[in-house]
N, C-alpha and C. Protein backbone atom coordinates (compact mmCIF):
# COMPACT_ATOMS: atom_id res chain seq x y z
N MET A 1 100.24 66.18 80.97
CA MET A 1 99.66 67.77 81.67
C MET A 1 100.77 67.76 82.68
N SER A 2 101.03 69.22 83.49
CA SER A 2 101.78 68.95 84.84
C SER A 2 100.34 69.38 85.65
N PHE A 3 100.95 69.47 86.56
CA PHE A 3 100.16 69.64 88.15
C PHE A 3 99.57 70.63 87.99
N TYR A 4 100.59 71.96 87.59
CA TYR A 4 99.92 73.05 87.19
C TYR A 4 98.68 73.43 86.27
N GLU A 5 99.23 72.43 85.08
CA GLU A 5 97.69 72.79 84.61
C GLU A 5 96.33 71.95 84.12
N SER A 6 97.12 70.49 85.41
CA SER A 6 95.67 70.19 85.47
C SER A 6 94.49 71.00 86.33
N LEU A 7 94.61 72.00 87.28
CA LEU A 7 94.18 72.56 88.27
C LEU A 7 93.77 74.53 87.02
N GLY A 8 94.25 74.27 85.80
CA GLY A 8 93.35 75.45 85.85
C GLY A 8 93.49 76.61 86.56
N PHE A 9 92.06 77.13 86.46
CA PHE A 9 92.26 78.49 87.21
C PHE A 9 92.53 78.72 88.78
N LEU A 10 92.48 76.57 89.84
CA LEU A 10 92.24 77.79 90.80
C LEU A 10 93.91 77.39 91.31
N VAL A 11 95.32 77.69 90.31
CA VAL A 11 96.14 77.97 90.79
C VAL A 11 96.81 78.97 89.42
N PHE A 12 96.29 80.00 89.10
CA PHE A 12 96.26 80.77 88.43
C PHE A 12 97.28 82.11 88.77
N GLY A 13 97.35 82.11 90.02
CA GLY A 13 97.85 83.13 90.53
C GLY A 13 99.31 82.59 90.86
N SER A 14 99.55 81.76 91.46
CA SER A 14 101.12 80.90 91.15
C SER A 14 101.32 80.62 89.72
N ARG A 15 100.96 80.36 89.22
CA ARG A 15 101.51 80.09 87.45
C ARG A 15 101.72 81.23 86.95
N LEU A 16 101.70 82.40 87.60
CA LEU A 16 101.37 83.82 86.64
C LEU A 16 102.51 83.69 87.95
N ARG A 17 103.20 83.47 89.22
CA ARG A 17 104.09 84.13 89.84
C ARG A 17 105.08 83.72 89.10
N ARG A 18 105.04 81.89 89.08
CA ARG A 18 106.00 81.53 88.86
C ARG A 18 107.23 82.34 87.19
N LEU A 19 105.79 82.22 86.16
CA LEU A 19 106.22 82.91 85.33
C LEU A 19 106.97 83.83 85.48
N SER A 20 105.90 85.06 86.74
CA SER A 20 106.81 86.56 86.81
C SER A 20 108.70 85.90 87.12
N GLU A 21 108.82 85.40 87.88
CA GLU A 21 109.92 84.84 88.78
C GLU A 21 111.07 84.70 88.15
N ALA A 22 110.37 83.32 86.95
CA ALA A 22 111.63 83.64 86.00
C ALA A 22 111.78 84.40 85.13
N PHE A 23 110.52 85.18 84.51
CA PHE A 23 110.93 86.14 83.59
C PHE A 23 112.25 87.43 84.31
N LEU A 24 111.79 87.75 85.46
CA LEU A 24 112.32 88.69 86.75
C LEU A 24 114.04 88.03 86.76
N SER A 25 114.35 86.58 86.55
CA SER A 25 115.84 85.39 87.45
C SER A 25 116.04 86.41 86.16
N ASP A 26 115.48 85.93 85.13
CA ASP A 26 116.69 86.10 83.46
C ASP A 26 116.73 87.47 83.10
N VAL A 27 115.54 88.32 83.40
CA VAL A 27 116.02 89.84 82.74
C VAL A 27 117.28 90.48 83.97
N ASN A 28 117.27 89.93 85.23
CA ASN A 28 118.00 90.21 86.30
C ASN A 28 119.90 89.50 85.75
N LYS A 29 119.40 88.40 85.02
CA LYS A 29 121.04 87.43 84.58
C LYS A 29 121.50 88.10 83.33
N ILE A 30 120.64 88.78 82.46
CA ILE A 30 120.89 89.67 81.50
C ILE A 30 121.81 90.73 81.89
N TYR A 31 120.81 91.25 82.74
CA TYR A 31 121.89 92.48 83.02
C TYR A 31 123.21 92.67 83.81
N ALA A 32 123.46 91.55 84.91
CA ALA A 32 124.53 91.01 85.15
C ALA A 32 125.58 90.16 83.99
N SER A 33 125.05 89.71 83.09
CA SER A 33 125.96 89.66 81.92
C SER A 33 126.76 90.38 81.19
N HIS A 34 126.10 91.44 81.07
CA HIS A 34 126.39 93.17 80.27
C HIS A 34 127.30 93.74 81.24
N ASN A 35 127.40 93.20 82.48
CA ASN A 35 127.84 93.93 83.60
C ASN A 35 127.62 95.48 84.11
N LEU A 36 125.79 95.16 83.83
CA LEU A 36 124.82 96.52 84.56
C LEU A 36 124.57 96.72 86.04
N ALA A 37 124.89 97.09 86.52
CA ALA A 37 124.45 97.41 88.36
C ALA A 37 123.21 98.09 87.89
N PHE A 38 122.13 96.83 87.94
CA PHE A 38 120.89 97.17 87.47
C PHE A 38 119.79 96.30 88.29
N ASP A 39 118.86 96.13 88.50
CA ASP A 39 117.82 95.29 89.20
C ASP A 39 116.82 95.86 88.58
N ALA A 40 115.81 94.40 88.02
CA ALA A 40 114.39 94.58 87.13
C ALA A 40 113.12 95.44 88.32
N ALA A 41 113.19 95.43 89.03
CA ALA A 41 112.59 96.06 90.18
C ALA A 41 112.38 97.62 90.05
N TRP A 42 113.68 97.74 88.81
CA TRP A 42 114.09 99.56 88.95
C TRP A 42 113.35 99.69 88.20
N PHE A 43 112.53 99.14 87.39
CA PHE A 43 112.53 99.51 86.11
C PHE A 43 111.62 100.58 85.15
N PRO A 44 110.79 100.33 86.49
CA PRO A 44 109.02 101.53 85.87
C PRO A 44 109.83 102.48 86.14
N VAL A 45 110.01 102.77 87.11
CA VAL A 45 110.98 104.00 88.08
C VAL A 45 111.79 104.74 86.48
N PHE A 46 112.95 104.01 86.53
CA PHE A 46 113.63 104.27 85.69
C PHE A 46 113.27 104.01 84.05
N TYR A 47 111.95 103.87 83.99
CA TYR A 47 111.66 103.85 82.30
C TYR A 47 110.62 104.59 82.21
N ILE A 48 109.77 105.23 82.83
CA ILE A 48 108.88 106.53 83.56
C ILE A 48 109.96 108.21 83.01
N LEU A 49 110.98 107.59 84.18
CA LEU A 49 111.76 109.03 84.33
C LEU A 49 112.83 109.29 82.39
N SER A 50 112.74 108.20 81.62
CA SER A 50 113.55 108.41 80.90
C SER A 50 113.03 108.94 80.01
N ARG A 51 111.14 108.34 79.94
CA ARG A 51 110.44 109.10 79.19
C ARG A 51 110.30 110.89 79.46
N GLN A 52 110.12 111.09 80.42
CA GLN A 52 110.01 112.66 81.42
C GLN A 52 111.39 113.09 82.60
N GLU A 53 111.96 113.97 82.19
CA GLU A 53 112.60 114.69 82.64
C GLU A 53 112.33 114.54 84.30
N THR A 54 111.20 115.00 84.33
CA THR A 54 110.73 115.32 86.11
C THR A 54 109.15 115.07 86.37
N VAL A 55 109.52 113.90 87.07
CA VAL A 55 108.26 113.39 87.61
C VAL A 55 107.58 113.20 88.85
N SER A 56 106.80 113.56 89.68
CA SER A 56 106.24 113.09 90.96
C SER A 56 106.41 112.32 91.54
N ILE A 57 106.65 112.16 92.76
CA ILE A 57 106.26 110.58 92.77
C ILE A 57 104.92 110.38 92.94
N LYS A 58 103.66 111.42 93.71
CA LYS A 58 102.33 111.08 93.07
C LYS A 58 101.97 110.10 91.90
N ASP A 59 103.14 111.19 90.77
CA ASP A 59 102.55 110.82 88.95
C ASP A 59 102.99 109.47 89.22
N ILE A 60 103.51 109.43 89.84
CA ILE A 60 104.49 107.65 89.43
C ILE A 60 103.45 106.28 89.96
N ALA A 61 103.16 107.34 91.59
CA ALA A 61 102.13 105.58 91.96
C ALA A 61 101.02 105.73 91.32
N ASP A 62 100.21 106.71 90.94
CA ASP A 62 98.96 107.35 89.58
C ASP A 62 99.56 105.98 88.09
N GLU A 63 100.62 106.24 87.88
CA GLU A 63 101.04 105.98 86.82
C GLU A 63 100.87 104.20 86.73
N LEU A 64 101.72 104.00 87.96
CA LEU A 64 102.14 102.30 87.70
C LEU A 64 100.58 101.95 88.58
N GLY A 65 100.12 102.25 89.14
CA GLY A 65 99.37 102.17 89.81
C GLY A 65 99.26 101.74 90.77
N ILE A 66 100.27 102.01 92.04
CA ILE A 66 100.63 101.73 93.32
C ILE A 66 101.30 102.32 93.92
N SER A 67 101.17 102.07 95.71
CA SER A 67 100.86 102.86 96.41
C SER A 67 102.05 104.19 96.04
N HIS A 68 101.63 105.23 96.96
CA HIS A 68 102.71 106.69 97.35
C HIS A 68 103.76 105.75 98.06
N SER A 69 103.34 105.20 99.52
CA SER A 69 104.81 103.99 100.27
C SER A 69 105.53 103.70 99.60
N ALA A 70 104.62 102.66 98.19
CA ALA A 70 105.96 101.88 97.98
C ALA A 70 106.48 102.94 96.41
N VAL A 71 105.78 103.13 96.13
CA VAL A 71 107.00 104.65 95.48
C VAL A 71 108.12 105.19 96.10
N SER A 72 107.62 105.62 97.15
CA SER A 72 108.60 106.90 97.72
C SER A 72 110.11 105.48 98.01
N GLN A 73 109.62 104.04 98.44
CA GLN A 73 110.64 102.99 99.56
C GLN A 73 111.03 103.05 98.24
N LEU A 74 110.79 103.07 96.91
CA LEU A 74 111.51 102.54 95.53
C LEU A 74 112.69 104.08 95.22
N VAL A 75 111.99 105.55 95.57
CA VAL A 75 112.65 105.80 95.35
C VAL A 75 113.89 106.04 96.26
N SER A 76 113.68 106.43 97.18
CA SER A 76 114.61 106.29 98.32
C SER A 76 115.96 104.87 98.26
N ASN A 77 115.78 104.17 97.37
CA ASN A 77 116.64 102.70 98.01
C ASN A 77 117.08 103.27 96.31
N LEU A 78 116.81 104.45 94.84
CA LEU A 78 117.61 104.56 93.83
C LEU A 78 118.46 105.91 94.58
N GLN A 79 117.92 106.69 95.52
CA GLN A 79 118.67 107.82 96.16
C GLN A 79 119.94 107.60 96.53
N GLN A 80 119.66 106.57 97.11
CA GLN A 80 121.02 105.83 98.57
C GLN A 80 121.85 105.33 97.39
N LYS A 81 121.26 104.75 96.21
CA LYS A 81 122.71 104.37 95.41
C LYS A 81 123.23 105.88 94.27
N GLY A 82 122.46 106.67 94.25
CA GLY A 82 122.98 107.91 94.08
C GLY A 82 122.39 108.09 92.24
N LEU A 83 121.52 108.04 92.17
CA LEU A 83 120.82 106.80 90.40
C LEU A 83 119.27 108.71 90.51
N ILE A 84 119.32 109.07 91.07
CA ILE A 84 118.08 109.72 91.16
C ILE A 84 118.05 110.73 92.68
N LYS A 85 118.03 111.86 92.77
CA LYS A 85 117.91 112.47 93.64
C LYS A 85 115.87 113.15 93.59
N THR A 86 115.55 114.05 94.63
CA THR A 86 114.48 114.09 94.33
C THR A 86 114.92 115.91 94.40
N THR A 87 113.57 116.28 94.42
CA THR A 87 113.43 118.23 94.30
C THR A 87 112.25 118.28 94.74
N THR A 88 112.18 119.17 94.91
CA THR A 88 110.60 120.47 95.08
C THR A 88 109.83 120.79 93.87
N ALA A 89 108.78 120.83 93.61
CA ALA A 89 108.81 121.18 92.46
C ALA A 89 108.51 122.84 92.46
N GLY A 90 108.55 122.83 91.05
CA GLY A 90 108.92 124.68 91.18
C GLY A 90 107.56 125.55 91.58
N ASP A 91 106.56 124.42 91.54
CA ASP A 91 105.30 125.64 91.20
C ASP A 91 104.57 125.29 93.00
N ASP A 92 105.20 123.81 93.27
CA ASP A 92 104.37 123.78 94.75
C ASP A 92 105.10 123.13 95.46
N ALA A 93 106.30 123.69 96.80
CA ALA A 93 107.10 123.72 97.23
C ALA A 93 106.31 122.30 98.66
N ARG A 94 105.28 121.94 98.31
CA ARG A 94 105.14 120.28 99.03
C ARG A 94 105.05 119.86 98.01
N LYS A 95 105.50 119.31 96.91
CA LYS A 95 104.98 118.54 95.85
C LYS A 95 106.55 117.83 95.62
N LYS A 96 106.72 116.30 95.69
CA LYS A 96 108.39 115.95 95.06
C LYS A 96 108.44 115.92 94.22
N VAL A 97 109.73 115.88 93.14
CA VAL A 97 109.63 115.39 92.10
C VAL A 97 111.29 114.64 91.92
N VAL A 98 111.12 114.21 90.80
CA VAL A 98 112.19 112.72 90.84
C VAL A 98 113.04 113.03 89.80
N VAL A 99 113.97 112.95 89.32
CA VAL A 99 114.88 113.96 88.28
C VAL A 99 116.21 112.37 88.24
N PHE A 100 116.69 111.35 87.18
CA PHE A 100 118.35 111.28 87.30
C PHE A 100 119.41 112.45 87.60
N THR A 101 120.19 111.78 88.60
CA THR A 101 121.82 112.25 88.87
C THR A 101 122.26 111.65 87.28
N ALA A 102 123.14 112.32 87.30
CA ALA A 102 123.85 111.88 86.43
C ALA A 102 124.55 110.18 86.16
N LYS A 103 124.84 109.67 87.10
CA LYS A 103 125.07 109.09 86.86
C LYS A 103 123.72 108.21 87.18
N GLY A 104 122.64 107.72 87.03
CA GLY A 104 121.27 107.45 87.07
C GLY A 104 120.98 107.70 85.31
N LYS A 105 121.33 108.99 84.80
CA LYS A 105 121.25 108.93 83.33
C LYS A 105 122.44 108.33 82.33
N LYS A 106 123.38 108.01 83.30
CA LYS A 106 124.24 107.44 82.63
C LYS A 106 123.93 105.56 82.58
N LEU A 107 123.41 105.14 83.49
CA LEU A 107 123.01 103.89 83.82
C LEU A 107 121.88 103.89 83.15
N GLN A 108 120.61 104.76 82.78
CA GLN A 108 119.58 104.59 81.55
C GLN A 108 119.35 104.37 80.69
N GLN A 109 121.15 105.37 80.29
CA GLN A 109 121.53 105.19 78.54
C GLN A 109 121.83 103.53 78.40
N GLN A 110 122.96 102.81 79.16
CA GLN A 110 123.47 101.96 79.06
C GLN A 110 122.51 100.67 78.89
N VAL A 111 121.03 100.75 79.76
CA VAL A 111 120.22 99.93 80.28
C VAL A 111 119.16 99.51 79.22
N GLN A 112 119.21 100.63 78.28
CA GLN A 112 118.42 101.14 77.25
C GLN A 112 117.97 99.38 75.88
N PRO A 113 119.42 99.54 75.70
CA PRO A 113 119.68 98.66 74.71
C PRO A 113 119.34 97.43 74.67
N VAL A 114 118.96 96.91 76.19
CA VAL A 114 119.08 95.94 76.93
C VAL A 114 117.54 95.96 77.01
N TRP A 115 116.81 97.11 76.88
CA TRP A 115 115.35 96.85 76.79
C TRP A 115 114.51 96.22 75.20
N ASP A 116 115.55 97.45 74.78
CA ASP A 116 115.65 97.31 73.42
C ASP A 116 115.56 95.60 72.45
N ALA A 117 116.55 95.48 73.26
CA ALA A 117 116.66 93.39 72.78
C ALA A 117 115.30 92.63 73.89
N LEU A 118 115.45 93.16 74.72
CA LEU A 118 114.06 92.12 75.44
C LEU A 118 112.35 92.68 74.86
N LYS A 119 112.52 93.11 74.75
CA LYS A 119 111.12 94.05 74.35
C LYS A 119 111.22 93.15 72.42
N LYS A 120 112.19 93.10 72.05
CA LYS A 120 111.75 92.02 70.49
C LYS A 120 111.93 90.73 71.24
N ALA A 121 113.00 90.30 72.06
CA ALA A 121 112.83 89.15 72.74
C ALA A 121 111.56 88.51 73.21
N MET A 122 110.69 89.48 73.68
CA MET A 122 109.54 88.53 74.95
C MET A 122 108.50 88.92 73.29
N GLU A 123 108.56 89.74 72.46
CA GLU A 123 108.06 89.80 71.32
C GLU A 123 107.66 88.12 70.07
N SER A 124 108.73 88.37 69.74
CA SER A 124 109.08 87.01 69.61
C SER A 124 108.37 85.57 70.03
N LEU A 125 108.96 85.70 71.51
CA LEU A 125 108.22 84.53 72.58
C LEU A 125 106.76 84.33 72.14
N ALA A 126 105.80 85.59 72.39
CA ALA A 126 104.64 85.58 72.36
C ALA A 126 104.38 85.23 70.63
N GLN A 127 105.07 85.31 69.88
CA GLN A 127 104.52 84.70 68.29
C GLN A 127 105.55 83.04 68.30
N GLU A 128 105.61 82.92 69.28
CA GLU A 128 105.66 81.11 68.98
C GLU A 128 104.61 80.17 69.04
N GLY A 129 103.70 80.44 70.41
CA GLY A 129 102.57 80.16 70.09
C GLY A 129 101.37 80.40 70.07
N GLU A 130 100.16 79.29 69.30
CA GLU A 130 99.22 79.80 68.77
C GLU A 130 98.28 80.71 70.11
N HIS A 131 98.12 80.55 71.26
CA HIS A 131 97.67 81.48 72.17
C HIS A 131 98.17 82.55 72.86
N SER A 132 99.82 82.50 73.20
CA SER A 132 100.20 83.38 73.65
C SER A 132 100.66 84.87 72.59
N LYS A 133 100.18 85.09 71.60
CA LYS A 133 99.79 86.07 70.50
C LYS A 133 99.08 87.01 71.12
N ASN A 134 98.09 86.45 72.07
CA ASN A 134 97.12 87.31 72.66
C ASN A 134 97.58 87.43 73.77
N ILE A 135 98.38 87.43 74.97
CA ILE A 135 98.78 86.90 75.66
C ILE A 135 98.91 88.88 76.42
N LEU A 136 99.41 89.53 75.91
CA LEU A 136 98.73 90.88 76.20
C LEU A 136 97.55 91.10 76.10
N LYS A 137 96.33 91.17 75.29
CA LYS A 137 95.43 91.67 75.39
C LYS A 137 94.88 90.57 76.34
N ALA A 138 94.60 89.17 76.30
CA ALA A 138 94.09 88.51 77.50
C ALA A 138 94.52 88.92 79.33
N ILE A 139 95.61 89.87 79.26
CA ILE A 139 96.24 89.86 80.86
C ILE A 139 95.32 91.25 80.80
N ALA A 140 94.94 92.39 79.81
CA ALA A 140 94.52 93.03 80.29
C ALA A 140 92.87 92.52 80.11
N ASP A 141 92.42 92.23 79.67
CA ASP A 141 91.35 91.69 79.99
C ASP A 141 91.14 91.59 81.21
N ILE A 142 91.94 90.40 81.86
CA ILE A 142 91.37 90.03 83.17
C ILE A 142 91.55 91.26 84.28
N GLU A 143 92.62 92.39 83.70
CA GLU A 143 92.87 93.36 84.88
C GLU A 143 91.95 93.95 84.86
N GLN A 144 90.73 94.35 83.61
CA GLN A 144 89.94 94.93 84.01
C GLN A 144 88.69 93.92 84.41
N GLY A 145 88.49 93.34 84.01
CA GLY A 145 87.77 92.04 85.11
C GLY A 145 88.16 92.50 86.16
N LEU A 146 88.82 92.36 87.23
CA LEU A 146 89.78 92.70 88.14
C LEU A 146 88.97 94.39 89.26
N GLN A 147 88.79 95.25 87.48
CA GLN A 147 88.89 96.15 88.43
C GLN A 147 86.96 96.49 88.56
N ARG A 148 86.61 95.99 87.55
CA ARG A 148 84.68 95.36 88.30
C ARG A 148 84.49 95.55 89.14
N GLU A 149 85.39 94.25 89.27
CA GLU A 149 85.31 93.15 90.91
C GLU A 149 86.09 92.48 91.17
N SER A 150 86.52 92.34 92.06
CA SER A 150 87.77 91.57 92.27
C SER A 150 87.60 89.91 92.78
N VAL A 151 88.46 89.89 92.82
CA VAL A 151 88.56 87.81 92.83
C VAL A 151 87.92 87.23 94.48
N PHE A 152 88.46 88.12 95.54
CA PHE A 152 87.67 87.74 96.78
C PHE A 152 85.96 88.66 96.54
N ASP A 153 85.42 89.23 95.87
CA ASP A 153 84.52 89.89 95.61
C ASP A 153 83.62 88.50 95.36
N ARG A 154 84.37 88.19 94.01
CA ARG A 154 83.59 87.01 93.31
C ARG A 154 83.57 85.24 93.75
N VAL A 155 84.38 85.01 94.75
CA VAL A 155 84.41 83.97 95.61
C VAL A 155 83.16 84.65 96.44
N GLU A 156 83.32 85.39 97.12
CA GLU A 156 81.88 85.68 98.05
C GLU A 156 80.58 86.11 97.65
N HIS A 157 80.32 86.00 96.32
CA HIS A 157 79.36 85.99 95.70
C HIS A 157 79.19 84.67 95.77
N LEU A 158 80.07 83.61 94.89
CA LEU A 158 79.43 82.24 94.44
C LEU A 158 78.89 81.80 96.22
N ILE A 159 80.17 81.86 97.08
CA ILE A 159 79.49 80.63 98.42
C ILE A 159 78.66 81.37 99.20
N ASN A 160 77.94 82.41 98.66
CA ASN A 160 77.25 83.37 99.73
C ASN A 160 76.05 82.68 98.89
N ILE A 161 76.02 81.88 97.55
CA ILE A 161 74.58 81.85 96.87
C ILE A 161 74.04 80.39 97.50
N GLU A 162 75.40 79.56 97.62
CA GLU A 162 75.33 77.82 97.56
C GLU A 162 75.03 77.34 98.94
């Protein structure tokens, strides 16, 4: 049993971070090996834009469950690279919407086969283990539990009881 396994939930976040870092590193290696100038961190915005022609920064933030500021920073970075542009919404000049540039759309079309292969590879990986088959459901359960009560509140409740 490894150090991390022996500590169970005490290092749950650390194990998830290690797993995430390993996964994202491999995904970025895949892009690089196929000469695609794409970063895994761009995926959420690219994926949303691949499904919708235009989308507001607020809608991206809401869909991803992250701050408007974080989305704005990512959008600014992608704009500087010439992959997306922002414009005002036709019905509300105060509302910024994001759209692909021709360069961004071309890159999205180039990375789509990687996304398709990645999805199949991850589905295959999840089927290899007895418990990994249910990992997405387990993660969703934990996310819902955190929405009901944060880890901070749960620990504070336990510390105040004892």
